[in-house]
């Protein structure tokens, strides 16, 4: 049973990493991640303005980044604030490193 459990964990890890890295395949999403890394936190409207994109487009991409575990969202009244989910990103990086360092 141990080998089966290890295999199912690895498959789950592969699916999780696939979602994580797939979210980064879009240039606009990468720009959004870089912007959030520079600013620590900003509103969706600030992000749209900085990237010269529409707010609905930025929101659409933010949902994908959130689902992939790259971005955290918090609401304060009508404002939506975004920040990088640095803990989740670090966990994905560590899982990826463990995966490729196996001998």
PDB file of N, CA and C in Angstrom:
ATOM      1  N   UNK A   1       0.821  -1.199   0.000  1.00  0.00           N
ATOM      2  CA  UNK A   1       0.000   0.000   0.000  1.00  0.00           C
ATOM      3  C   UNK A   1       0.859   1.254   0.000  1.00  0.00           C
ATOM      4  N   UNK A   2       2.070   1.198   0.540  1.00  0.00           N
ATOM      5  CA  UNK A   2       2.932   2.364   0.608  1.00  0.00           C
ATOM      6  C   UNK A   2       3.294   2.895  -0.767  1.00  0.00           C
ATOM      7  N   UNK A   3       3.612   1.997  -1.704  1.00  0.00           N
ATOM      8  CA  UNK A   3       3.983   2.434  -3.055  1.00  0.00           C
ATOM      9  C   UNK A   3       2.801   3.094  -3.752  1.00  0.00           C
ATOM     10  N   UNK A   4       1.612   2.548  -3.554  1.00  0.00           N
ATOM     11  CA  UNK A   4       0.404   3.124  -4.170  1.00  0.00           C
ATOM     12  C   UNK A   4       0.137   4.513  -3.599  1.00  0.00           C
ATOM     13  N   UNK A   5       0.316   4.673  -2.289  1.00  0.00           N
ATOM     14  CA  UNK A   5       0.106   5.969  -1.640  1.00  0.00           C
ATOM     15  C   UNK A   5       1.117   6.990  -2.160  1.00  0.00           C
ATOM     16  N   UNK A   6       2.393   6.577  -2.289  1.00  0.00           N
ATOM     17  CA  UNK A   6       3.428   7.464  -2.819  1.00  0.00           C
ATOM     18  C   UNK A   6       3.114   7.874  -4.243  1.00  0.00           C
ATOM     19  N   UNK A   7       2.635   6.919  -5.051  1.00  0.00           N
ATOM     20  CA  UNK A   7       2.299   7.208  -6.442  1.00  0.00           C
ATOM     21  C   UNK A   7       1.135   8.197  -6.523  1.00  0.00           C
ATOM     22  N   UNK A   8       0.103   8.003  -5.702  1.00  0.00           N
ATOM     23  CA  UNK A   8      -1.041   8.922  -5.741  1.00  0.00           C
ATOM     24  C   UNK A   8      -0.638  10.311  -5.251  1.00  0.00           C
ATOM     25  N   UNK A   9       0.264  10.381  -4.260  1.00  0.00           N
ATOM     26  CA  UNK A   9       0.771  11.684  -3.812  1.00  0.00           C
ATOM     27  C   UNK A   9       1.554  12.373  -4.917  1.00  0.00           C
ATOM     28  N   UNK A  10       2.376  11.608  -5.638  1.00  0.00           N
ATOM     29  CA  UNK A  10       3.156  12.195  -6.725  1.00  0.00           C
ATOM     30  C   UNK A  10       2.242  12.685  -7.845  1.00  0.00           C
ATOM     31  N   UNK A  11       1.217  11.928  -8.170  1.00  0.00           N
ATOM     32  CA  UNK A  11       0.273  12.341  -9.211  1.00  0.00           C
ATOM     33  C   UNK A  11      -0.435  13.626  -8.785  1.00  0.00           C
ATOM     34  N   UNK A  12      -0.840  13.693  -7.534  1.00  0.00           N
ATOM     35  CA  UNK A  12      -1.491  14.903  -7.013  1.00  0.00           C
ATOM     36  C   UNK A  12      -0.536  16.099  -7.075  1.00  0.00           C
ATOM     37  N   UNK A  13       0.717  15.870  -6.700  1.00  0.00           N
ATOM     38  CA  UNK A  13       1.723  16.932  -6.761  1.00  0.00           C
ATOM     39  C   UNK A  13       1.928  17.395  -8.197  1.00  0.00           C
ATOM     40  N   UNK A  14       1.987  16.459  -9.131  1.00  0.00           N
ATOM     41  CA  UNK A  14       2.159  16.819 -10.540  1.00  0.00           C
ATOM     42  C   UNK A  14       0.990  17.656 -11.053  1.00  0.00           C
ATOM     43  N   UNK A  15      -0.217  17.284 -10.698  1.00  0.00           N
ATOM     44  CA  UNK A  15      -1.398  18.064 -11.119  1.00  0.00           C
ATOM     45  C   UNK A  15      -1.358  19.463 -10.512  1.00  0.00           C
ATOM     46  N   UNK A  16      -0.988  19.544  -9.249  1.00  0.00           N
ATOM     47  CA  UNK A  16      -0.916  20.840  -8.569  1.00  0.00           C
ATOM     48  C   UNK A  16       0.147  21.731  -9.214  1.00  0.00           C
ATOM     49  N   UNK A  17       1.318  21.171  -9.471  1.00  0.00           N
ATOM     50  CA  UNK A  17       2.385  21.935 -10.112  1.00  0.00           C
ATOM     51  C   UNK A  17       2.000  22.350 -11.532  1.00  0.00           C
ATOM     52  N   UNK A  18       1.298  21.479 -12.226  1.00  0.00           N
ATOM     53  CA  UNK A  18       0.855  21.798 -13.573  1.00  0.00           C
ATOM     54  C   UNK A  18      -0.073  23.015 -13.578  1.00  0.00           C
ATOM     55  N   UNK A  19      -1.022  23.060 -12.641  1.00  0.00           N
ATOM     56  CA  UNK A  19      -1.926  24.225 -12.519  1.00  0.00           C
ATOM     57  C   UNK A  19      -1.138  25.485 -12.181  1.00  0.00           C
ATOM     58  N   UNK A  20      -0.197  25.335 -11.279  1.00  0.00           N
ATOM     59  CA  UNK A  20       0.610  26.466 -10.830  1.00  0.00           C
ATOM     60  C   UNK A  20       1.409  27.064 -11.991  1.00  0.00           C
ATOM     61  N   UNK A  21       2.143  26.231 -12.705  1.00  0.00           N
ATOM     62  CA  UNK A  21       2.998  26.738 -13.781  1.00  0.00           C
ATOM     63  C   UNK A  21       2.191  27.124 -15.022  1.00  0.00           C
ATOM     64  N   UNK A  22       1.086  26.456 -15.273  1.00  0.00           N
ATOM     65  CA  UNK A  22       0.241  26.806 -16.419  1.00  0.00           C
ATOM     66  C   UNK A  22      -0.288  28.230 -16.279  1.00  0.00           C
ATOM     67  N   UNK A  23      -0.565  28.638 -15.055  1.00  0.00           N
ATOM     68  CA  UNK A  23      -1.066  29.997 -14.823  1.00  0.00           C
ATOM     69  C   UNK A  23      -0.034  31.047 -15.203  1.00  0.00           C
ATOM     70  N   UNK A  24       1.221  30.666 -15.246  1.00  0.00           N
ATOM     71  CA  UNK A  24       2.290  31.615 -15.568  1.00  0.00           C
ATOM     72  C   UNK A  24       2.638  31.651 -17.054  1.00  0.00           C
ATOM     73  N   UNK A  25       1.902  30.925 -17.880  1.00  0.00           N
ATOM     74  CA  UNK A  25       2.229  30.871 -19.301  1.00  0.00           C
ATOM     75  C   UNK A  25       1.833  32.135 -20.046  1.00  0.00           C
ATOM     76  N   UNK A  26       1.023  32.954 -19.459  1.00  0.00           N
ATOM     77  CA  UNK A  26       0.540  34.171 -20.098  1.00  0.00           C
ATOM     78  C   UNK A  26       1.424  35.360 -19.709  1.00  0.00           C
ATOM     79  N   UNK A  27       1.836  36.146 -20.693  1.00  0.00           N
ATOM     80  CA  UNK A  27       2.729  37.273 -20.438  1.00  0.00           C
ATOM     81  C   UNK A  27       2.080  38.298 -19.508  1.00  0.00           C
ATOM     82  N   UNK A  28       0.799  38.567 -19.686  1.00  0.00           N
ATOM     83  CA  UNK A  28       0.129  39.533 -18.808  1.00  0.00           C
ATOM     84  C   UNK A  28       0.126  39.033 -17.370  1.00  0.00           C
ATOM     85  N   UNK A  29      -0.092  37.759 -17.162  1.00  0.00           N
ATOM     86  CA  UNK A  29      -0.077  37.219 -15.797  1.00  0.00           C
ATOM     87  C   UNK A  29       1.310  37.335 -15.186  1.00  0.00           C
ATOM     88  N   UNK A  30       2.329  37.102 -15.986  1.00  0.00           N
ATOM     89  CA  UNK A  30       3.695  37.282 -15.476  1.00  0.00           C
ATOM     90  C   UNK A  30       3.942  38.740 -15.100  1.00  0.00           C
ATOM     91  N   UNK A  31       3.457  39.663 -15.910  1.00  0.00           N
ATOM     92  CA  UNK A  31       3.588  41.084 -15.587  1.00  0.00           C
ATOM     93  C   UNK A  31       2.854  41.412 -14.288  1.00  0.00           C
ATOM     94  N   UNK A  32       1.704  40.798 -14.081  1.00  0.00           N
ATOM     95  CA  UNK A  32       0.933  41.018 -12.864  1.00  0.00           C
ATOM     96  C   UNK A  32       1.706  40.515 -11.643  1.00  0.00           C
ATOM     97  N   UNK A  33       2.328  39.358 -11.776  1.00  0.00           N
ATOM     98  CA  UNK A  33       3.119  38.802 -10.669  1.00  0.00           C
ATOM     99  C   UNK A  33       4.294  39.725 -10.348  1.00  0.00           C
ATOM    100  N   UNK A  34       4.968  40.222 -11.373  1.00  0.00           N
ATOM    101  CA  UNK A  34       6.098  41.133 -11.164  1.00  0.00           C
ATOM    102  C   UNK A  34       5.627  42.416 -10.484  1.00  0.00           C
ATOM    103  N   UNK A  35       4.492  42.953 -10.931  1.00  0.00           N
ATOM    104  CA  UNK A  35       3.939  44.163 -10.323  1.00  0.00           C
ATOM    105  C   UNK A  35       3.633  43.941  -8.846  1.00  0.00           C
ATOM    106  N   UNK A  36       3.009  42.806  -8.528  1.00  0.00           N
ATOM    107  CA  UNK A  36       2.692  42.513  -7.138  1.00  0.00           C
ATOM    108  C   UNK A  36       3.956  42.284  -6.308  1.00  0.00           C
ATOM    109  N   UNK A  37       4.980  41.733  -6.913  1.00  0.00           N
ATOM    110  CA  UNK A  37       6.247  41.548  -6.194  1.00  0.00           C
ATOM    111  C   UNK A  37       6.857  42.902  -5.839  1.00  0.00           C
ATOM    112  N   UNK A  38       6.686  43.871  -6.724  1.00  0.00           N
ATOM    113  CA  UNK A  38       7.222  45.215  -6.478  1.00  0.00           C
ATOM    114  C   UNK A  38       6.413  46.005  -5.459  1.00  0.00           C
ATOM    115  N   UNK A  39       5.095  45.812  -5.483  1.00  0.00           N
ATOM    116  CA  UNK A  39       4.213  46.657  -4.667  1.00  0.00           C
ATOM    117  C   UNK A  39       3.722  46.017  -3.382  1.00  0.00           C
ATOM    118  N   UNK A  40       3.915  44.766  -3.203  1.00  0.00           N
ATOM    119  CA  UNK A  40       3.439  44.049  -2.028  1.00  0.00           C
ATOM    120  C   UNK A  40       1.922  43.852  -2.052  1.00  0.00           C
ATOM    121  N   UNK A  41       1.160  44.913  -2.306  1.00  0.00           N
ATOM    122  CA  UNK A  41      -0.305  44.809  -2.393  1.00  0.00           C
ATOM    123  C   UNK A  41      -0.813  45.992  -3.210  1.00  0.00           C
ATOM    124  N   UNK A  42      -1.845  45.757  -4.008  1.00  0.00           N
ATOM    125  CA  UNK A  42      -2.484  46.865  -4.713  1.00  0.00           C
ATOM    126  C   UNK A  42      -3.908  46.453  -5.070  1.00  0.00           C
ATOM    127  N   UNK A  43      -4.715  47.453  -5.419  1.00  0.00           N
ATOM    128  CA  UNK A  43      -6.091  47.175  -5.810  1.00  0.00           C
ATOM    129  C   UNK A  43      -6.116  46.704  -7.262  1.00  0.00           C
ATOM    130  N   UNK A  44      -7.210  46.099  -7.633  1.00  0.00           N
ATOM    131  CA  UNK A  44      -7.387  45.658  -9.015  1.00  0.00           C
ATOM    132  C   UNK A  44      -7.333  46.867  -9.952  1.00  0.00           C
ATOM    133  N   UNK A  45      -7.954  47.973  -9.551  1.00  0.00           N
ATOM    134  CA  UNK A  45      -7.947  49.176 -10.388  1.00  0.00           C
ATOM    135  C   UNK A  45      -6.541  49.743 -10.536  1.00  0.00           C
ATOM    136  N   UNK A  46      -5.758  49.760  -9.469  1.00  0.00           N
ATOM    137  CA  UNK A  46      -4.369  50.230  -9.555  1.00  0.00           C
ATOM    138  C   UNK A  46      -3.562  49.340 -10.492  1.00  0.00           C
ATOM    139  N   UNK A  47      -3.799  48.045 -10.401  1.00  0.00           N
ATOM    140  CA  UNK A  47      -3.091  47.102 -11.253  1.00  0.00           C
ATOM    141  C   UNK A  47      -3.466  47.322 -12.720  1.00  0.00           C
ATOM    142  N   UNK A  48      -4.745  47.484 -12.986  1.00  0.00           N
ATOM    143  CA  UNK A  48      -5.213  47.708 -14.359  1.00  0.00           C
ATOM    144  C   UNK A  48      -4.587  48.979 -14.932  1.00  0.00           C
ATOM    145  N   UNK A  49      -4.551  50.024 -14.126  1.00  0.00           N
ATOM    146  CA  UNK A  49      -3.968  51.284 -14.571  1.00  0.00           C
ATOM    147  C   UNK A  49      -2.465  51.143 -14.837  1.00  0.00           C
ATOM    148  N   UNK A  50      -1.761  50.500 -13.927  1.00  0.00           N
ATOM    149  CA  UNK A  50      -0.307  50.332 -14.078  1.00  0.00           C
ATOM    150  C   UNK A  50       0.036  49.491 -15.305  1.00  0.00           C
ATOM    151  N   UNK A  51      -0.807  48.512 -15.611  1.00  0.00           N
ATOM    152  CA  UNK A  51      -0.551  47.614 -16.739  1.00  0.00           C
ATOM    153  C   UNK A  51      -1.203  48.095 -18.039  1.00  0.00           C
ATOM    154  N   UNK A  52      -1.950  49.196 -17.935  1.00  0.00           N
ATOM    155  CA  UNK A  52      -2.666  49.751 -19.090  1.00  0.00           C
ATOM    156  C   UNK A  52      -3.592  48.710 -19.727  1.00  0.00           C
ATOM    157  N   UNK A  53      -4.354  48.060 -18.851  1.00  0.00           N
ATOM    158  CA  UNK A  53      -5.324  47.039 -19.259  1.00  0.00           C
ATOM    159  C   UNK A  53      -6.669  47.359 -18.624  1.00  0.00           C
ATOM    160  N   UNK A  54      -7.728  46.773 -19.155  1.00  0.00           N
ATOM    161  CA  UNK A  54      -9.044  47.007 -18.573  1.00  0.00           C
ATOM    162  C   UNK A  54      -9.175  46.268 -17.247  1.00  0.00           C
ATOM    163  N   UNK A  55      -9.977  46.813 -16.361  1.00  0.00           N
ATOM    164  CA  UNK A  55     -10.203  46.179 -15.057  1.00  0.00           C
ATOM    165  C   UNK A  55     -10.822  44.789 -15.212  1.00  0.00           C
ATOM    166  N   UNK A  56     -11.817  44.594 -16.108  1.00  0.00           N
ATOM    167  CA  UNK A  56     -12.364  43.232 -16.254  1.00  0.00           C
ATOM    168  C   UNK A  56     -11.323  42.210 -16.719  1.00  0.00           C
ATOM    169  N   UNK A  57     -10.423  42.615 -17.611  1.00  0.00           N
ATOM    170  CA  UNK A  57      -9.387  41.696 -18.078  1.00  0.00           C
ATOM    171  C   UNK A  57      -8.429  41.339 -16.939  1.00  0.00           C
ATOM    172  N   UNK A  58      -8.034  42.341 -16.168  1.00  0.00           N
ATOM    173  CA  UNK A  58      -7.142  42.096 -15.030  1.00  0.00           C
ATOM    174  C   UNK A  58      -7.834  41.177 -14.025  1.00  0.00           C
ATOM    175  N   UNK A  59      -9.101  41.424 -13.747  1.00  0.00           N
ATOM    176  CA  UNK A  59      -9.851  40.572 -12.808  1.00  0.00           C
ATOM    177  C   UNK A  59      -9.919  39.134 -13.303  1.00  0.00           C
ATOM    178  N   UNK A  60     -10.127  38.960 -14.596  1.00  0.00           N
ATOM    179  CA  UNK A  60     -10.219  37.624 -15.184  1.00  0.00           C
ATOM    180  C   UNK A  60      -8.908  36.870 -14.965  1.00  0.00           C
ATOM    181  N   UNK A  61      -7.783  37.536 -15.234  1.00  0.00           N
ATOM    182  CA  UNK A  61      -6.480  36.897 -15.049  1.00  0.00           C
ATOM    183  C   UNK A  61      -6.163  36.681 -13.565  1.00  0.00           C
ATOM    184  N   UNK A  62      -6.585  37.591 -12.718  1.00  0.00           N
ATOM    185  CA  UNK A  62      -6.362  37.419 -11.276  1.00  0.00           C
ATOM    186  C   UNK A  62      -7.034  36.163 -10.749  1.00  0.00           C
ATOM    187  N   UNK A  63      -8.232  35.861 -11.251  1.00  0.00           N
ATOM    188  CA  UNK A  63      -8.921  34.643 -10.823  1.00  0.00           C
ATOM    189  C   UNK A  63      -8.080  33.412 -11.150  1.00  0.00           C
ATOM    190  N   UNK A  64      -7.454  33.395 -12.318  1.00  0.00           N
ATOM    191  CA  UNK A  64      -6.606  32.258 -12.688  1.00  0.00           C
ATOM    192  C   UNK A  64      -5.383  32.176 -11.779  1.00  0.00           C
ATOM    193  N   UNK A  65      -4.797  33.317 -11.472  1.00  0.00           N
ATOM    194  CA  UNK A  65      -3.633  33.328 -10.584  1.00  0.00           C
ATOM    195  C   UNK A  65      -4.016  32.898  -9.168  1.00  0.00           C
ATOM    196  N   UNK A  66      -5.190  33.286  -8.723  1.00  0.00           N
ATOM    197  CA  UNK A  66      -5.665  32.899  -7.392  1.00  0.00           C
ATOM    198  C   UNK A  66      -5.909  31.386  -7.344  1.00  0.00           C
ATOM    199  N   UNK A  67      -6.567  30.860  -8.355  1.00  0.00           N
ATOM    200  CA  UNK A  67      -6.850  29.432  -8.412  1.00  0.00           C
ATOM    201  C   UNK A  67      -5.566  28.608  -8.416  1.00  0.00           C
ATOM    202  N   UNK A  68      -4.529  29.145  -9.046  1.00  0.00           N
ATOM    203  CA  UNK A  68      -3.246  28.446  -9.135  1.00  0.00           C
ATOM    204  C   UNK A  68      -2.393  28.627  -7.885  1.00  0.00           C
ATOM    205  N   UNK A  69      -2.865  29.391  -6.911  1.00  0.00           N
ATOM    206  CA  UNK A  69      -2.123  29.568  -5.671  1.00  0.00           C
ATOM    207  C   UNK A  69      -0.996  30.569  -5.759  1.00  0.00           C
ATOM    208  N   UNK A  70      -1.139  31.549  -6.634  1.00  0.00           N
ATOM    209  CA  UNK A  70      -0.098  32.561  -6.789  1.00  0.00           C
ATOM    210  C   UNK A  70      -0.469  33.886  -6.136  1.00  0.00           C
ATOM    211  N   UNK A  71      -1.758  34.138  -6.015  1.00  0.00           N
ATOM    212  CA  UNK A  71      -2.237  35.444  -5.562  1.00  0.00           C
ATOM    213  C   UNK A  71      -3.286  35.260  -4.468  1.00  0.00           C
ATOM    214  N   UNK A  72      -3.249  36.173  -3.507  1.00  0.00           N
ATOM    215  CA  UNK A  72      -4.290  36.253  -2.476  1.00  0.00           C
ATOM    216  C   UNK A  72      -5.139  37.488  -2.759  1.00  0.00           C
ATOM    217  N   UNK A  73      -6.412  37.379  -2.462  1.00  0.00           N
ATOM    218  CA  UNK A  73      -7.359  38.476  -2.664  1.00  0.00           C
ATOM    219  C   UNK A  73      -8.006  38.785  -1.324  1.00  0.00           C
ATOM    220  N   UNK A  74      -8.140  40.084  -1.032  1.00  0.00           N
ATOM    221  CA  UNK A  74      -8.918  40.479   0.146  1.00  0.00           C
ATOM    222  C   UNK A  74      -9.796  41.657  -0.256  1.00  0.00           C
ATOM    223  N   UNK A  75     -10.952  41.715   0.358  1.00  0.00           N
ATOM    224  CA  UNK A  75     -11.902  42.787   0.069  1.00  0.00           C
ATOM    225  C   UNK A  75     -11.988  43.726   1.263  1.00  0.00           C
ATOM    226  N   UNK A  76     -12.065  45.015   0.949  1.00  0.00           N
ATOM    227  CA  UNK A  76     -12.282  46.043   1.965  1.00  0.00           C
ATOM    228  C   UNK A  76     -13.325  46.988   1.380  1.00  0.00           C
ATOM    229  N   UNK A  77     -14.566  46.769   1.773  1.00  0.00           N
ATOM    230  CA  UNK A  77     -15.655  47.534   1.171  1.00  0.00           C
ATOM    231  C   UNK A  77     -15.784  47.155  -0.289  1.00  0.00           C
ATOM    232  N   UNK A  78     -15.738  48.151  -1.149  1.00  0.00           N
ATOM    233  CA  UNK A  78     -15.861  47.895  -2.587  1.00  0.00           C
ATOM    234  C   UNK A  78     -14.515  47.627  -3.257  1.00  0.00           C
ATOM    235  N   UNK A  79     -13.438  47.835  -2.533  1.00  0.00           N
ATOM    236  CA  UNK A  79     -12.098  47.640  -3.098  1.00  0.00           C
ATOM    237  C   UNK A  79     -11.663  46.180  -2.959  1.00  0.00           C
ATOM    238  N   UNK A  80     -10.973  45.709  -3.983  1.00  0.00           N
ATOM    239  CA  UNK A  80     -10.393  44.368  -3.982  1.00  0.00           C
ATOM    240  C   UNK A  80      -8.883  44.533  -4.022  1.00  0.00           C
ATOM    241  N   UNK A  81      -8.212  44.019  -3.003  1.00  0.00           N
ATOM    242  CA  UNK A  81      -6.756  44.120  -2.886  1.00  0.00           C
ATOM    243  C   UNK A  81      -6.125  42.779  -3.240  1.00  0.00           C
ATOM    244  N   UNK A  82      -5.012  42.851  -3.934  1.00  0.00           N
ATOM    245  CA  UNK A  82      -4.297  41.653  -4.370  1.00  0.00           C
ATOM    246  C   UNK A  82      -2.880  41.677  -3.818  1.00  0.00           C
ATOM    247  N   UNK A  83      -2.373  40.501  -3.539  1.00  0.00           N
ATOM    248  CA  UNK A  83      -0.975  40.358  -3.138  1.00  0.00           C
ATOM    249  C   UNK A  83      -0.514  38.970  -3.541  1.00  0.00           C
ATOM    250  N   UNK A  84       0.799  38.806  -3.638  1.00  0.00           N
ATOM    251  CA  UNK A  84       1.334  37.486  -3.937  1.00  0.00           C
ATOM    252  C   UNK A  84       1.126  36.576  -2.732  1.00  0.00           C
ATOM    253  N   UNK A  85       0.813  35.328  -3.006  1.00  0.00           N
ATOM    254  CA  UNK A  85       0.743  34.325  -1.937  1.00  0.00           C
ATOM    255  C   UNK A  85       2.130  33.697  -1.852  1.00  0.00           C
ATOM    256  N   UNK A  86       3.018  34.404  -1.205  1.00  0.00           N
ATOM    257  CA  UNK A  86       4.434  34.005  -1.166  1.00  0.00           C
ATOM    258  C   UNK A  86       4.635  32.633  -0.518  1.00  0.00           C
ATOM    259  N   UNK A  87       3.839  32.298   0.485  1.00  0.00           N
ATOM    260  CA  UNK A  87       3.968  30.981   1.123  1.00  0.00           C
ATOM    261  C   UNK A  87       3.623  29.873   0.135  1.00  0.00           C
ATOM    262  N   UNK A  88       2.522  30.046  -0.596  1.00  0.00           N
ATOM    263  CA  UNK A  88       2.114  29.027  -1.572  1.00  0.00           C
ATOM    264  C   UNK A  88       3.131  28.923  -2.703  1.00  0.00           C
ATOM    265  N   UNK A  89       3.654  30.057  -3.148  1.00  0.00           N
ATOM    266  CA  UNK A  89       4.667  30.040  -4.210  1.00  0.00           C
ATOM    267  C   UNK A  89       5.905  29.288  -3.729  1.00  0.00           C
ATOM    268  N   UNK A  90       6.323  29.551  -2.507  1.00  0.00           N
ATOM    269  CA  UNK A  90       7.485  28.857  -1.951  1.00  0.00           C
ATOM    270  C   UNK A  90       7.238  27.355  -1.853  1.00  0.00           C
ATOM    271  N   UNK A  91       6.027  26.951  -1.458  1.00  0.00           N
ATOM    272  CA  UNK A  91       5.698  25.529  -1.369  1.00  0.00           C
ATOM    273  C   UNK A  91       5.757  24.869  -2.748  1.00  0.00           C
ATOM    274  N   UNK A  92       5.252  25.569  -3.769  1.00  0.00           N
ATOM    275  CA  UNK A  92       5.304  25.022  -5.133  1.00  0.00           C
ATOM    276  C   UNK A  92       6.755  24.919  -5.616  1.00  0.00           C
ATOM    277  N   UNK A  93       7.553  25.921  -5.312  1.00  0.00           N
ATOM    278  CA  UNK A  93       8.969  25.869  -5.699  1.00  0.00           C
ATOM    279  C   UNK A  93       9.660  24.682  -5.034  1.00  0.00           C
ATOM    280  N   UNK A  94       9.396  24.498  -3.754  1.00  0.00           N
ATOM    281  CA  UNK A  94      10.020  23.396  -3.018  1.00  0.00           C
ATOM    282  C   UNK A  94       9.572  22.046  -3.576  1.00  0.00           C
ATOM    283  N   UNK A  95       8.287  21.907  -3.866  1.00  0.00           N
ATOM    284  CA  UNK A  95       7.774  20.652  -4.425  1.00  0.00           C
ATOM    285  C   UNK A  95       8.414  20.375  -5.783  1.00  0.00           C
ATOM    286  N   UNK A  96       8.583  21.420  -6.592  1.00  0.00           N
ATOM    287  CA  UNK A  96       9.207  21.249  -7.896  1.00  0.00           C
ATOM    288  C   UNK A  96      10.676  20.819  -7.758  1.00  0.00           C
ATOM    289  N   UNK A  97      11.393  21.481  -6.844  1.00  0.00           N
ATOM    290  CA  UNK A  97      12.791  21.117  -6.618  1.00  0.00           C
ATOM    291  C   UNK A  97      12.930  19.669  -6.141  1.00  0.00           C
ATOM    292  N   UNK A  98      12.054  19.246  -5.238  1.00  0.00           N
ATOM    293  CA  UNK A  98      12.090  17.864  -4.757  1.00  0.00           C
ATOM    294  C   UNK A  98      11.815  16.889  -5.887  1.00  0.00           C
ATOM    295  N   UNK A  99      10.926  17.258  -6.771  1.00  0.00           N
ATOM    296  CA  UNK A  99      10.557  16.401  -7.885  1.00  0.00           C
ATOM    297  C   UNK A  99      11.730  16.207  -8.856  1.00  0.00           C
ATOM    298  N   UNK A 100      12.439  17.288  -9.148  1.00  0.00           N
ATOM    299  CA  UNK A 100      13.519  17.171 -10.130  1.00  0.00           C
ATOM    300  C   UNK A 100      14.843  16.730  -9.520  1.00  0.00           C
ATOM    301  N   UNK A 101      14.956  16.733  -8.193  1.00  0.00           N
ATOM    302  CA  UNK A 101      16.208  16.331  -7.547  1.00  0.00           C
ATOM    303  C   UNK A 101      16.216  14.860  -7.163  1.00  0.00           C
ATOM    304  N   UNK A 102      15.150  14.167  -7.461  1.00  0.00           N
ATOM    305  CA  UNK A 102      15.122  12.724  -7.156  1.00  0.00           C
ATOM    306  C   UNK A 102      16.141  12.016  -8.041  1.00  0.00           C
ATOM    307  N   UNK A 103      16.767  10.984  -7.470  1.00  0.00           N
ATOM    308  CA  UNK A 103      17.744  10.250  -8.284  1.00  0.00           C
ATOM    309  C   UNK A 103      17.236   8.891  -8.672  1.00  0.00           C
TER     310      UNK A 103
END
